[in-house]
Amino acid sequence: MSRPLAVLRPEPGNAATAQAIEALGRRAIRLPLFRIVPLAWDAPSATEHDALILTSANAVRQAGAALQAYATLPVHAVGAATAAAARAAGLHVVATGDSDGQALLDAAERAGVRRALLLTARDRAVAGHAVLSTIRAVYASEAIEAVDAALLAGTVALVHSPRAARRLAMLAEDRGAIAVAAIAPAVAQALGTGWRAVAVAERPDDAATIAAALSLADA
């Protein structure tokens, strides 16, 4: 019997992932662990920077009208979803990464970026980098308190961030009853041990994470 897939990421990504799973004829349980909220932030001048770094599509969605001040800056986006959100917002994407934020910044440095602006989350994996001259937190991921963790038993949970992995580990009543598909090795590492099974996506994107989850759902 195929196990249902529990989608833990916040909205609007939760609905997008669940719909992709359902389009494959599989059952998705929508169980976001966090909600995304915008933060007030002061926007530095675009002339002080030579690039805009985006490590999440949420930064694009939550930055507000001030984002348009950076329409002339070349954008380095962490992945295809972030790049698509940036283009939809009228930004000029010149590079799209296929790994994590650290790899994106390393690639930007090799491309000659020296004074980049990073728009990101309040809680983030990247604390600093040689190419960054300014970091602004434009959104926060706040924990949803009323999560029915009992729904996780017998599922394959899709985990998209180290923070979500740590929260899942805290909430899980019986790790042995839950399999986990992690979007990246760092996410799998944050889970700890004791899970029924863990699979890591071949690429750090949603489609690959769903594929990893399906490999566990039918095992």
N, C-alpha and C. Protein backbone atom coordinates (compact mmCIF):
# COMPACT_ATOMS: atom_id res chain seq x y z
N MET A 1 0.85 -1.20 0.00
CA MET A 1 0.00 0.00 0.00
C MET A 1 0.88 1.25 0.00
N SER A 2 0.54 2.20 -0.85
CA SER A 2 1.32 3.42 -0.94
C SER A 2 1.01 4.35 0.23
N ARG A 3 2.06 4.88 0.83
CA ARG A 3 1.89 5.79 1.96
C ARG A 3 1.58 7.21 1.46
N PRO A 4 0.76 7.98 2.20
CA PRO A 4 0.52 9.37 1.82
C PRO A 4 1.76 10.22 2.06
N LEU A 5 1.82 11.33 1.36
CA LEU A 5 2.95 12.25 1.48
C LEU A 5 2.52 13.48 2.28
N ALA A 6 3.24 13.77 3.35
CA ALA A 6 2.93 14.93 4.20
C ALA A 6 3.79 16.11 3.77
N VAL A 7 3.14 17.19 3.39
CA VAL A 7 3.84 18.39 2.91
C VAL A 7 3.92 19.38 4.06
N LEU A 8 5.14 19.70 4.47
CA LEU A 8 5.36 20.49 5.68
C LEU A 8 5.74 21.95 5.41
N ARG A 9 6.05 22.27 4.17
CA ARG A 9 6.54 23.63 3.88
C ARG A 9 5.41 24.65 4.04
N PRO A 10 5.74 25.92 4.27
CA PRO A 10 4.70 26.94 4.43
C PRO A 10 4.03 27.28 3.10
N GLU A 11 2.89 27.96 3.20
CA GLU A 11 2.23 28.47 2.00
C GLU A 11 3.00 29.67 1.46
N PRO A 12 2.95 29.91 0.13
CA PRO A 12 2.13 29.21 -0.87
C PRO A 12 2.78 27.94 -1.42
N GLY A 13 4.01 27.65 -1.00
CA GLY A 13 4.69 26.46 -1.49
C GLY A 13 3.98 25.17 -1.12
N ASN A 14 3.32 25.16 0.04
CA ASN A 14 2.65 23.93 0.49
C ASN A 14 1.60 23.50 -0.53
N ALA A 15 0.76 24.43 -0.94
CA ALA A 15 -0.29 24.11 -1.91
C ALA A 15 0.30 23.67 -3.24
N ALA A 16 1.38 24.32 -3.67
CA ALA A 16 1.99 23.98 -4.95
C ALA A 16 2.54 22.55 -4.93
N THR A 17 3.22 22.19 -3.83
CA THR A 17 3.76 20.84 -3.72
C THR A 17 2.63 19.82 -3.62
N ALA A 18 1.62 20.11 -2.82
CA ALA A 18 0.49 19.18 -2.67
C ALA A 18 -0.21 18.96 -4.00
N GLN A 19 -0.40 20.01 -4.76
CA GLN A 19 -1.07 19.87 -6.05
C GLN A 19 -0.24 19.04 -7.03
N ALA A 20 1.09 19.20 -6.98
CA ALA A 20 1.96 18.40 -7.84
C ALA A 20 1.87 16.92 -7.47
N ILE A 21 1.79 16.63 -6.18
CA ILE A 21 1.64 15.25 -5.71
C ILE A 21 0.29 14.68 -6.16
N GLU A 22 -0.76 15.46 -5.97
CA GLU A 22 -2.10 15.00 -6.33
C GLU A 22 -2.25 14.81 -7.84
N ALA A 23 -1.51 15.60 -8.62
CA ALA A 23 -1.55 15.44 -10.08
C ALA A 23 -0.96 14.11 -10.51
N LEU A 24 -0.15 13.50 -9.65
CA LEU A 24 0.42 12.19 -9.91
C LEU A 24 -0.48 11.06 -9.42
N GLY A 25 -1.65 11.43 -8.90
CA GLY A 25 -2.59 10.44 -8.41
C GLY A 25 -2.28 9.96 -7.01
N ARG A 26 -1.46 10.71 -6.27
CA ARG A 26 -1.09 10.34 -4.91
C ARG A 26 -1.80 11.24 -3.90
N ARG A 27 -1.88 10.76 -2.68
CA ARG A 27 -2.52 11.52 -1.61
C ARG A 27 -1.51 12.42 -0.91
N ALA A 28 -1.86 13.69 -0.77
CA ALA A 28 -1.03 14.66 -0.06
C ALA A 28 -1.75 15.13 1.20
N ILE A 29 -1.01 15.16 2.30
CA ILE A 29 -1.52 15.72 3.55
C ILE A 29 -0.87 17.09 3.74
N ARG A 30 -1.66 18.13 3.78
CA ARG A 30 -1.13 19.50 3.89
C ARG A 30 -1.00 19.84 5.37
N LEU A 31 0.26 19.92 5.82
CA LEU A 31 0.53 20.12 7.23
C LEU A 31 1.69 21.10 7.41
N PRO A 32 1.48 22.37 7.04
CA PRO A 32 2.58 23.34 7.16
C PRO A 32 3.02 23.53 8.61
N LEU A 33 4.33 23.58 8.82
CA LEU A 33 4.88 23.78 10.17
C LEU A 33 5.14 25.25 10.47
N PHE A 34 5.18 26.08 9.41
CA PHE A 34 5.49 27.51 9.56
C PHE A 34 4.56 28.34 8.68
N ARG A 35 4.44 29.61 9.01
CA ARG A 35 3.77 30.58 8.15
C ARG A 35 4.76 31.70 7.83
N ILE A 36 4.67 32.23 6.62
CA ILE A 36 5.57 33.30 6.18
C ILE A 36 4.91 34.65 6.42
N VAL A 37 5.65 35.56 7.07
CA VAL A 37 5.13 36.91 7.33
C VAL A 37 6.18 37.94 6.90
N PRO A 38 5.75 39.07 6.33
CA PRO A 38 6.71 40.10 5.91
C PRO A 38 7.26 40.85 7.11
N LEU A 39 8.48 41.36 6.95
CA LEU A 39 9.11 42.18 7.97
C LEU A 39 9.32 43.59 7.43
N ALA A 40 9.25 44.56 8.31
CA ALA A 40 9.62 45.92 7.92
C ALA A 40 11.14 45.97 7.71
N TRP A 41 11.57 46.64 6.64
CA TRP A 41 13.01 46.71 6.39
C TRP A 41 13.33 47.99 5.65
N ASP A 42 14.55 48.49 5.84
CA ASP A 42 14.98 49.70 5.13
C ASP A 42 15.77 49.26 3.92
N ALA A 43 15.42 49.82 2.79
CA ALA A 43 16.01 49.42 1.52
C ALA A 43 17.23 50.29 1.19
N PRO A 44 18.42 49.69 1.16
CA PRO A 44 19.61 50.47 0.80
C PRO A 44 19.60 50.84 -0.68
N SER A 45 20.40 51.80 -1.03
CA SER A 45 20.44 52.26 -2.42
C SER A 45 21.00 51.17 -3.33
N ALA A 46 20.38 51.04 -4.50
CA ALA A 46 20.86 50.07 -5.48
C ALA A 46 22.25 50.44 -5.98
N THR A 47 22.57 51.73 -5.97
CA THR A 47 23.88 52.16 -6.49
C THR A 47 25.04 51.70 -5.61
N GLU A 48 24.74 51.26 -4.40
CA GLU A 48 25.79 50.77 -3.49
C GLU A 48 26.14 49.31 -3.74
N HIS A 49 25.44 48.67 -4.68
CA HIS A 49 25.59 47.24 -4.86
C HIS A 49 25.78 46.88 -6.33
N ASP A 50 26.42 45.73 -6.56
CA ASP A 50 26.64 45.29 -7.93
C ASP A 50 25.81 44.04 -8.28
N ALA A 51 25.03 43.54 -7.34
CA ALA A 51 24.17 42.39 -7.61
C ALA A 51 23.15 42.23 -6.49
N LEU A 52 22.08 41.53 -6.81
CA LEU A 52 21.06 41.17 -5.83
C LEU A 52 21.04 39.66 -5.71
N ILE A 53 21.18 39.17 -4.48
CA ILE A 53 21.18 37.73 -4.22
C ILE A 53 19.84 37.36 -3.58
N LEU A 54 19.20 36.33 -4.15
CA LEU A 54 17.92 35.85 -3.63
C LEU A 54 18.03 34.36 -3.36
N THR A 55 17.87 33.97 -2.11
CA THR A 55 17.98 32.56 -1.74
C THR A 55 16.62 31.92 -1.46
N SER A 56 15.54 32.65 -1.74
CA SER A 56 14.20 32.10 -1.57
C SER A 56 13.21 32.92 -2.37
N ALA A 57 12.23 32.24 -2.95
CA ALA A 57 11.15 32.96 -3.63
C ALA A 57 10.34 33.78 -2.63
N ASN A 58 10.34 33.39 -1.36
CA ASN A 58 9.61 34.16 -0.35
C ASN A 58 10.17 35.57 -0.20
N ALA A 59 11.47 35.73 -0.41
CA ALA A 59 12.05 37.07 -0.34
C ALA A 59 11.45 37.98 -1.40
N VAL A 60 11.22 37.42 -2.58
CA VAL A 60 10.59 38.19 -3.66
C VAL A 60 9.15 38.55 -3.29
N ARG A 61 8.42 37.56 -2.79
CA ARG A 61 7.01 37.77 -2.49
C ARG A 61 6.79 38.75 -1.34
N GLN A 62 7.70 38.76 -0.37
CA GLN A 62 7.47 39.52 0.86
C GLN A 62 8.21 40.85 0.92
N ALA A 63 9.09 41.13 -0.04
CA ALA A 63 9.89 42.36 0.03
C ALA A 63 9.06 43.62 -0.17
N GLY A 64 7.94 43.50 -0.88
CA GLY A 64 7.08 44.67 -1.08
C GLY A 64 7.53 45.54 -2.24
N ALA A 65 6.98 46.74 -2.28
CA ALA A 65 7.22 47.65 -3.41
C ALA A 65 8.67 48.07 -3.51
N ALA A 66 9.41 48.06 -2.39
CA ALA A 66 10.82 48.47 -2.40
C ALA A 66 11.67 47.60 -3.31
N LEU A 67 11.19 46.41 -3.62
CA LEU A 67 11.96 45.51 -4.48
C LEU A 67 12.24 46.12 -5.85
N GLN A 68 11.32 46.95 -6.33
CA GLN A 68 11.48 47.53 -7.65
C GLN A 68 12.68 48.46 -7.76
N ALA A 69 13.20 48.90 -6.63
CA ALA A 69 14.39 49.76 -6.65
C ALA A 69 15.61 49.01 -7.18
N TYR A 70 15.53 47.68 -7.23
CA TYR A 70 16.67 46.87 -7.64
C TYR A 70 16.48 46.24 -9.01
N ALA A 71 15.57 46.80 -9.79
CA ALA A 71 15.29 46.25 -11.12
C ALA A 71 16.48 46.32 -12.05
N THR A 72 17.42 47.24 -11.78
CA THR A 72 18.59 47.37 -12.65
C THR A 72 19.74 46.46 -12.24
N LEU A 73 19.65 45.83 -11.07
CA LEU A 73 20.74 44.99 -10.59
C LEU A 73 20.64 43.58 -11.18
N PRO A 74 21.76 42.96 -11.53
CA PRO A 74 21.73 41.56 -11.93
C PRO A 74 21.39 40.68 -10.73
N VAL A 75 20.50 39.73 -10.95
CA VAL A 75 20.01 38.88 -9.86
C VAL A 75 20.62 37.49 -9.96
N HIS A 76 21.11 37.00 -8.83
CA HIS A 76 21.57 35.62 -8.70
C HIS A 76 20.55 34.91 -7.81
N ALA A 77 19.85 33.92 -8.37
CA ALA A 77 18.76 33.24 -7.66
C ALA A 77 19.17 31.80 -7.33
N VAL A 78 18.73 31.33 -6.17
CA VAL A 78 19.19 30.04 -5.67
C VAL A 78 18.69 28.85 -6.49
N GLY A 79 17.54 28.99 -7.12
CA GLY A 79 16.98 27.88 -7.89
C GLY A 79 15.95 28.37 -8.88
N ALA A 80 15.37 27.42 -9.61
CA ALA A 80 14.44 27.78 -10.68
C ALA A 80 13.20 28.49 -10.17
N ALA A 81 12.67 28.05 -9.02
CA ALA A 81 11.45 28.68 -8.49
C ALA A 81 11.72 30.12 -8.07
N THR A 82 12.86 30.35 -7.44
CA THR A 82 13.22 31.72 -7.04
C THR A 82 13.47 32.59 -8.26
N ALA A 83 14.12 32.03 -9.26
CA ALA A 83 14.38 32.78 -10.49
C ALA A 83 13.07 33.15 -11.18
N ALA A 84 12.12 32.22 -11.21
CA ALA A 84 10.83 32.50 -11.84
C ALA A 84 10.09 33.60 -11.11
N ALA A 85 10.13 33.56 -9.77
CA ALA A 85 9.47 34.60 -8.99
C ALA A 85 10.12 35.96 -9.23
N ALA A 86 11.45 35.97 -9.35
CA ALA A 86 12.16 37.22 -9.59
C ALA A 86 11.81 37.80 -10.96
N ARG A 87 11.77 36.95 -11.97
CA ARG A 87 11.42 37.43 -13.31
C ARG A 87 9.99 37.96 -13.34
N ALA A 88 9.08 37.26 -12.65
CA ALA A 88 7.69 37.71 -12.60
C ALA A 88 7.56 39.06 -11.93
N ALA A 89 8.51 39.37 -11.04
CA ALA A 89 8.49 40.66 -10.35
C ALA A 89 9.22 41.75 -11.15
N GLY A 90 9.70 41.40 -12.34
CA GLY A 90 10.36 42.39 -13.19
C GLY A 90 11.85 42.53 -12.95
N LEU A 91 12.46 41.57 -12.28
CA LEU A 91 13.89 41.62 -12.01
C LEU A 91 14.67 40.91 -13.11
N HIS A 92 15.97 41.22 -13.18
CA HIS A 92 16.83 40.72 -14.25
C HIS A 92 17.71 39.60 -13.70
N VAL A 93 17.32 38.36 -13.95
CA VAL A 93 18.06 37.20 -13.45
C VAL A 93 19.20 36.85 -14.42
N VAL A 94 20.41 36.81 -13.90
CA VAL A 94 21.58 36.48 -14.73
C VAL A 94 22.16 35.12 -14.38
N ALA A 95 21.82 34.59 -13.20
CA ALA A 95 22.37 33.29 -12.79
C ALA A 95 21.37 32.57 -11.91
N THR A 96 21.20 31.28 -12.16
CA THR A 96 20.31 30.45 -11.36
C THR A 96 21.11 29.27 -10.83
N GLY A 97 21.16 29.13 -9.52
CA GLY A 97 21.91 28.05 -8.90
C GLY A 97 21.17 26.73 -8.95
N ASP A 98 21.90 25.65 -8.68
CA ASP A 98 21.27 24.33 -8.63
C ASP A 98 21.63 23.61 -7.34
N SER A 99 22.01 24.40 -6.32
CA SER A 99 22.36 23.81 -5.03
C SER A 99 21.78 24.67 -3.93
N ASP A 100 22.61 25.08 -2.94
CA ASP A 100 22.11 25.87 -1.83
C ASP A 100 22.64 27.29 -1.87
N GLY A 101 22.31 28.08 -0.83
CA GLY A 101 22.71 29.47 -0.79
C GLY A 101 24.21 29.67 -0.77
N GLN A 102 24.92 28.83 -0.05
CA GLN A 102 26.38 28.94 0.01
C GLN A 102 26.99 28.73 -1.37
N ALA A 103 26.52 27.73 -2.08
CA ALA A 103 27.03 27.47 -3.43
C ALA A 103 26.70 28.62 -4.37
N LEU A 104 25.52 29.21 -4.22
CA LEU A 104 25.14 30.35 -5.05
C LEU A 104 26.08 31.52 -4.83
N LEU A 105 26.41 31.80 -3.58
CA LEU A 105 27.30 32.91 -3.26
C LEU A 105 28.72 32.64 -3.75
N ASP A 106 29.17 31.41 -3.63
CA ASP A 106 30.50 31.05 -4.15
C ASP A 106 30.56 31.26 -5.66
N ALA A 107 29.49 30.88 -6.35
CA ALA A 107 29.44 31.07 -7.80
C ALA A 107 29.41 32.55 -8.16
N ALA A 108 28.67 33.34 -7.38
CA ALA A 108 28.63 34.79 -7.63
C ALA A 108 30.01 35.41 -7.46
N GLU A 109 30.74 34.93 -6.48
CA GLU A 109 32.11 35.43 -6.27
C GLU A 109 32.99 35.10 -7.47
N ARG A 110 32.88 33.89 -7.97
CA ARG A 110 33.67 33.51 -9.15
C ARG A 110 33.27 34.33 -10.37
N ALA A 111 32.01 34.80 -10.40
CA ALA A 111 31.52 35.61 -11.52
C ALA A 111 31.92 37.08 -11.40
N GLY A 112 32.58 37.44 -10.29
CA GLY A 112 33.07 38.81 -10.14
C GLY A 112 32.23 39.70 -9.24
N VAL A 113 31.20 39.17 -8.61
CA VAL A 113 30.38 39.97 -7.70
C VAL A 113 31.19 40.31 -6.46
N ARG A 114 31.10 41.56 -6.02
CA ARG A 114 31.88 42.01 -4.86
C ARG A 114 31.07 42.81 -3.84
N ARG A 115 29.92 43.36 -4.24
CA ARG A 115 29.16 44.22 -3.33
C ARG A 115 27.67 43.89 -3.43
N ALA A 116 27.33 42.66 -3.12
CA ALA A 116 25.96 42.20 -3.33
C ALA A 116 25.05 42.53 -2.14
N LEU A 117 23.78 42.67 -2.46
CA LEU A 117 22.72 42.80 -1.47
C LEU A 117 21.98 41.48 -1.39
N LEU A 118 21.85 40.93 -0.19
CA LEU A 118 21.09 39.70 0.01
C LEU A 118 19.77 40.04 0.69
N LEU A 119 18.67 39.68 0.05
CA LEU A 119 17.35 39.77 0.67
C LEU A 119 16.96 38.37 1.10
N THR A 120 16.62 38.20 2.37
CA THR A 120 16.51 36.86 2.91
C THR A 120 15.55 36.80 4.09
N ALA A 121 15.60 35.69 4.80
CA ALA A 121 14.73 35.47 5.96
C ALA A 121 15.42 35.90 7.25
N ARG A 122 14.63 36.13 8.27
CA ARG A 122 15.19 36.45 9.59
C ARG A 122 16.03 35.29 10.11
N ASP A 123 15.53 34.07 9.94
CA ASP A 123 16.28 32.87 10.31
C ASP A 123 16.81 32.26 9.03
N ARG A 124 18.11 32.26 8.87
CA ARG A 124 18.69 31.85 7.59
C ARG A 124 19.95 31.02 7.82
N ALA A 125 20.27 30.24 6.80
CA ALA A 125 21.46 29.38 6.88
C ALA A 125 22.73 30.17 6.60
N VAL A 126 22.67 31.17 5.72
CA VAL A 126 23.85 31.94 5.33
C VAL A 126 23.95 33.18 6.21
N ALA A 127 25.00 33.24 7.03
CA ALA A 127 25.18 34.38 7.92
C ALA A 127 26.00 35.50 7.29
N GLY A 128 26.84 35.15 6.32
CA GLY A 128 27.68 36.14 5.67
C GLY A 128 28.52 35.50 4.58
N HIS A 129 29.14 36.35 3.75
CA HIS A 129 29.99 35.86 2.65
C HIS A 129 30.79 37.04 2.14
N ALA A 130 31.92 36.73 1.53
CA ALA A 130 32.80 37.79 1.03
C ALA A 130 32.13 38.69 0.00
N VAL A 131 31.18 38.17 -0.77
CA VAL A 131 30.54 38.99 -1.81
C VAL A 131 29.44 39.88 -1.26
N LEU A 132 29.02 39.66 -0.03
CA LEU A 132 27.88 40.41 0.52
C LEU A 132 28.34 41.67 1.25
N SER A 133 27.81 42.80 0.80
CA SER A 133 28.06 44.04 1.52
C SER A 133 26.89 44.42 2.40
N THR A 134 25.70 43.88 2.09
CA THR A 134 24.49 44.20 2.85
C THR A 134 23.57 43.00 2.90
N ILE A 135 22.99 42.75 4.08
CA ILE A 135 21.98 41.71 4.24
C ILE A 135 20.74 42.35 4.85
N ARG A 136 19.60 42.08 4.25
CA ARG A 136 18.33 42.57 4.80
C ARG A 136 17.36 41.39 4.94
N ALA A 137 16.83 41.23 6.14
CA ALA A 137 15.77 40.25 6.37
C ALA A 137 14.44 40.90 6.00
N VAL A 138 13.74 40.31 5.03
CA VAL A 138 12.49 40.89 4.57
C VAL A 138 11.27 40.04 4.94
N TYR A 139 11.52 38.85 5.48
CA TYR A 139 10.40 38.02 5.93
C TYR A 139 10.85 37.11 7.07
N ALA A 140 9.87 36.58 7.77
CA ALA A 140 10.14 35.62 8.83
C ALA A 140 9.27 34.39 8.62
N SER A 141 9.78 33.27 9.05
CA SER A 141 9.04 32.00 9.02
C SER A 141 8.68 31.67 10.46
N GLU A 142 7.41 31.85 10.80
CA GLU A 142 6.96 31.69 12.18
C GLU A 142 6.31 30.32 12.38
N ALA A 143 6.65 29.68 13.48
CA ALA A 143 6.12 28.35 13.75
C ALA A 143 4.61 28.41 13.97
N ILE A 144 3.92 27.45 13.38
CA ILE A 144 2.48 27.27 13.62
C ILE A 144 2.36 26.34 14.83
N GLU A 145 1.72 26.82 15.87
CA GLU A 145 1.68 26.06 17.12
C GLU A 145 0.74 24.87 17.04
N ALA A 146 -0.42 25.04 16.44
CA ALA A 146 -1.45 23.99 16.44
C ALA A 146 -1.24 23.02 15.28
N VAL A 147 -0.18 22.21 15.36
CA VAL A 147 0.11 21.21 14.35
C VAL A 147 -0.30 19.84 14.90
N ASP A 148 -1.13 19.13 14.16
CA ASP A 148 -1.59 17.81 14.59
C ASP A 148 -0.54 16.78 14.18
N ALA A 149 0.45 16.57 15.04
CA ALA A 149 1.56 15.69 14.72
C ALA A 149 1.13 14.25 14.54
N ALA A 150 -0.02 13.86 15.08
CA ALA A 150 -0.50 12.49 14.93
C ALA A 150 -0.76 12.14 13.47
N LEU A 151 -1.01 13.14 12.64
CA LEU A 151 -1.25 12.91 11.22
C LEU A 151 -0.01 12.41 10.49
N LEU A 152 1.15 12.56 11.09
CA LEU A 152 2.40 12.18 10.44
C LEU A 152 2.65 10.68 10.45
N ALA A 153 2.03 9.97 11.35
CA ALA A 153 2.26 8.53 11.47
C ALA A 153 1.87 7.82 10.17
N GLY A 154 2.78 7.01 9.66
CA GLY A 154 2.51 6.26 8.44
C GLY A 154 2.70 7.03 7.16
N THR A 155 3.26 8.23 7.23
CA THR A 155 3.45 9.05 6.03
C THR A 155 4.91 9.09 5.63
N VAL A 156 5.13 9.70 4.46
CA VAL A 156 6.45 10.17 4.06
C VAL A 156 6.40 11.69 4.13
N ALA A 157 7.21 12.28 5.00
CA ALA A 157 7.21 13.73 5.18
C ALA A 157 8.24 14.37 4.25
N LEU A 158 7.81 15.40 3.52
CA LEU A 158 8.72 16.15 2.66
C LEU A 158 9.25 17.34 3.44
N VAL A 159 10.58 17.43 3.54
CA VAL A 159 11.19 18.47 4.36
C VAL A 159 12.09 19.33 3.48
N HIS A 160 11.83 20.64 3.49
CA HIS A 160 12.48 21.56 2.56
C HIS A 160 13.54 22.46 3.20
N SER A 161 13.78 22.37 4.49
CA SER A 161 14.77 23.23 5.13
C SER A 161 15.29 22.58 6.40
N PRO A 162 16.52 22.93 6.83
CA PRO A 162 17.03 22.41 8.11
C PRO A 162 16.15 22.80 9.29
N ARG A 163 15.59 24.00 9.26
CA ARG A 163 14.73 24.42 10.36
C ARG A 163 13.47 23.56 10.44
N ALA A 164 12.89 23.23 9.29
CA ALA A 164 11.72 22.36 9.29
C ALA A 164 12.10 20.96 9.76
N ALA A 165 13.30 20.51 9.40
CA ALA A 165 13.76 19.19 9.86
C ALA A 165 13.86 19.15 11.38
N ARG A 166 14.40 20.19 11.97
CA ARG A 166 14.53 20.23 13.43
C ARG A 166 13.16 20.29 14.10
N ARG A 167 12.23 21.02 13.50
CA ARG A 167 10.89 21.11 14.09
C ARG A 167 10.15 19.77 13.95
N LEU A 168 10.31 19.11 12.82
CA LEU A 168 9.71 17.80 12.65
C LEU A 168 10.25 16.83 13.70
N ALA A 169 11.55 16.87 13.91
CA ALA A 169 12.16 15.99 14.91
C ALA A 169 11.59 16.25 16.30
N MET A 170 11.27 17.49 16.59
CA MET A 170 10.71 17.85 17.89
C MET A 170 9.25 17.39 18.01
N LEU A 171 8.50 17.48 16.92
CA LEU A 171 7.07 17.18 16.95
C LEU A 171 6.75 15.69 16.84
N ALA A 172 7.61 14.95 16.18
CA ALA A 172 7.31 13.56 15.87
C ALA A 172 7.11 12.73 17.14
N GLU A 173 5.97 12.08 17.23
CA GLU A 173 5.68 11.25 18.40
C GLU A 173 6.38 9.90 18.29
N ASP A 174 6.56 9.40 17.07
CA ASP A 174 7.23 8.12 16.84
C ASP A 174 7.99 8.22 15.52
N ARG A 175 9.29 8.50 15.59
CA ARG A 175 10.07 8.66 14.37
C ARG A 175 10.07 7.39 13.53
N GLY A 176 10.00 6.27 14.15
CA GLY A 176 10.02 5.02 13.42
C GLY A 176 8.82 4.80 12.54
N ALA A 177 7.76 5.59 12.75
CA ALA A 177 6.54 5.47 11.93
C ALA A 177 6.53 6.45 10.76
N ILE A 178 7.59 7.24 10.63
CA ILE A 178 7.63 8.30 9.62
C ILE A 178 8.87 8.14 8.75
N ALA A 179 8.68 8.15 7.43
CA ALA A 179 9.80 8.25 6.50
C ALA A 179 9.93 9.70 6.07
N VAL A 180 11.13 10.09 5.67
CA VAL A 180 11.37 11.49 5.36
C VAL A 180 12.12 11.62 4.03
N ALA A 181 11.63 12.53 3.19
CA ALA A 181 12.33 12.92 1.97
C ALA A 181 12.89 14.32 2.19
N ALA A 182 14.21 14.46 2.16
CA ALA A 182 14.88 15.73 2.42
C ALA A 182 15.34 16.36 1.11
N ILE A 183 15.20 17.66 1.01
CA ILE A 183 15.54 18.35 -0.23
C ILE A 183 17.04 18.42 -0.47
N ALA A 184 17.84 18.29 0.59
CA ALA A 184 19.29 18.41 0.47
C ALA A 184 19.97 17.66 1.62
N PRO A 185 21.26 17.33 1.46
CA PRO A 185 21.97 16.61 2.53
C PRO A 185 21.96 17.34 3.87
N ALA A 186 22.08 18.67 3.86
CA ALA A 186 22.07 19.42 5.11
C ALA A 186 20.74 19.27 5.84
N VAL A 187 19.67 19.14 5.09
CA VAL A 187 18.35 18.95 5.68
C VAL A 187 18.27 17.56 6.31
N ALA A 188 18.78 16.56 5.62
CA ALA A 188 18.79 15.20 6.16
C ALA A 188 19.62 15.14 7.45
N GLN A 189 20.72 15.85 7.47
CA GLN A 189 21.57 15.85 8.65
C GLN A 189 20.85 16.46 9.85
N ALA A 190 20.05 17.49 9.59
CA ALA A 190 19.34 18.17 10.67
C ALA A 190 18.23 17.32 11.28
N LEU A 191 17.83 16.26 10.60
CA LEU A 191 16.74 15.42 11.08
C LEU A 191 17.11 14.61 12.32
N GLY A 192 18.38 14.25 12.45
CA GLY A 192 18.75 13.31 13.49
C GLY A 192 18.46 11.89 13.04
N THR A 193 18.38 10.98 13.99
CA THR A 193 18.24 9.56 13.66
C THR A 193 16.90 9.01 14.16
N GLY A 194 16.64 7.75 13.79
CA GLY A 194 15.47 7.04 14.30
C GLY A 194 14.28 6.98 13.37
N TRP A 195 14.38 7.56 12.18
CA TRP A 195 13.27 7.58 11.23
C TRP A 195 13.12 6.23 10.54
N ARG A 196 11.93 5.94 10.05
CA ARG A 196 11.71 4.68 9.34
C ARG A 196 12.65 4.57 8.14
N ALA A 197 12.81 5.68 7.41
CA ALA A 197 13.74 5.74 6.29
C ALA A 197 13.94 7.21 5.94
N VAL A 198 15.08 7.51 5.33
CA VAL A 198 15.37 8.87 4.87
C VAL A 198 15.93 8.78 3.45
N ALA A 199 15.39 9.61 2.56
CA ALA A 199 15.90 9.72 1.20
C ALA A 199 16.23 11.18 0.93
N VAL A 200 17.30 11.42 0.20
CA VAL A 200 17.72 12.79 -0.15
C VAL A 200 17.47 13.00 -1.64
N ALA A 201 16.86 14.12 -1.97
CA ALA A 201 16.56 14.44 -3.36
C ALA A 201 17.84 14.52 -4.19
N GLU A 202 17.75 14.09 -5.44
CA GLU A 202 18.91 14.14 -6.34
C GLU A 202 19.31 15.57 -6.66
N ARG A 203 18.34 16.48 -6.64
CA ARG A 203 18.60 17.90 -6.85
C ARG A 203 17.83 18.66 -5.77
N PRO A 204 18.29 19.83 -5.39
CA PRO A 204 17.58 20.59 -4.33
C PRO A 204 16.40 21.38 -4.87
N ASP A 205 15.41 20.65 -5.42
CA ASP A 205 14.21 21.32 -5.89
C ASP A 205 12.99 20.48 -5.53
N ASP A 206 11.82 21.05 -5.73
CA ASP A 206 10.59 20.42 -5.28
C ASP A 206 10.30 19.12 -6.03
N ALA A 207 10.50 19.13 -7.34
CA ALA A 207 10.21 17.93 -8.13
C ALA A 207 11.07 16.75 -7.70
N ALA A 208 12.33 17.00 -7.43
CA ALA A 208 13.23 15.93 -7.01
C ALA A 208 12.88 15.45 -5.60
N THR A 209 12.41 16.37 -4.76
CA THR A 209 12.01 15.98 -3.41
C THR A 209 10.76 15.10 -3.45
N ILE A 210 9.83 15.44 -4.32
CA ILE A 210 8.63 14.60 -4.50
C ILE A 210 9.05 13.22 -5.00
N ALA A 211 9.97 13.17 -5.95
CA ALA A 211 10.43 11.89 -6.48
C ALA A 211 11.07 11.04 -5.38
N ALA A 212 11.86 11.69 -4.51
CA ALA A 212 12.47 10.96 -3.40
C ALA A 212 11.40 10.43 -2.46
N ALA A 213 10.38 11.24 -2.21
CA ALA A 213 9.28 10.81 -1.33
C ALA A 213 8.53 9.63 -1.92
N LEU A 214 8.31 9.64 -3.22
CA LEU A 214 7.59 8.54 -3.87
C LEU A 214 8.39 7.24 -3.78
N SER A 215 9.71 7.33 -3.81
CA SER A 215 10.52 6.12 -3.70
C SER A 215 10.36 5.46 -2.33
N LEU A 216 10.06 6.27 -1.32
CA LEU A 216 9.82 5.74 0.02
C LEU A 216 8.38 5.32 0.22
N ALA A 217 7.46 6.00 -0.46
CA ALA A 217 6.04 5.72 -0.29
C ALA A 217 5.69 4.31 -0.76
N ASP A 218 6.40 3.83 -1.74
CA ASP A 218 6.10 2.52 -2.32
C ASP A 218 7.04 1.43 -1.85
N ALA A 219 7.96 1.78 -0.95
CA ALA A 219 8.96 0.81 -0.48
C ALA A 219 8.35 -0.15 0.54
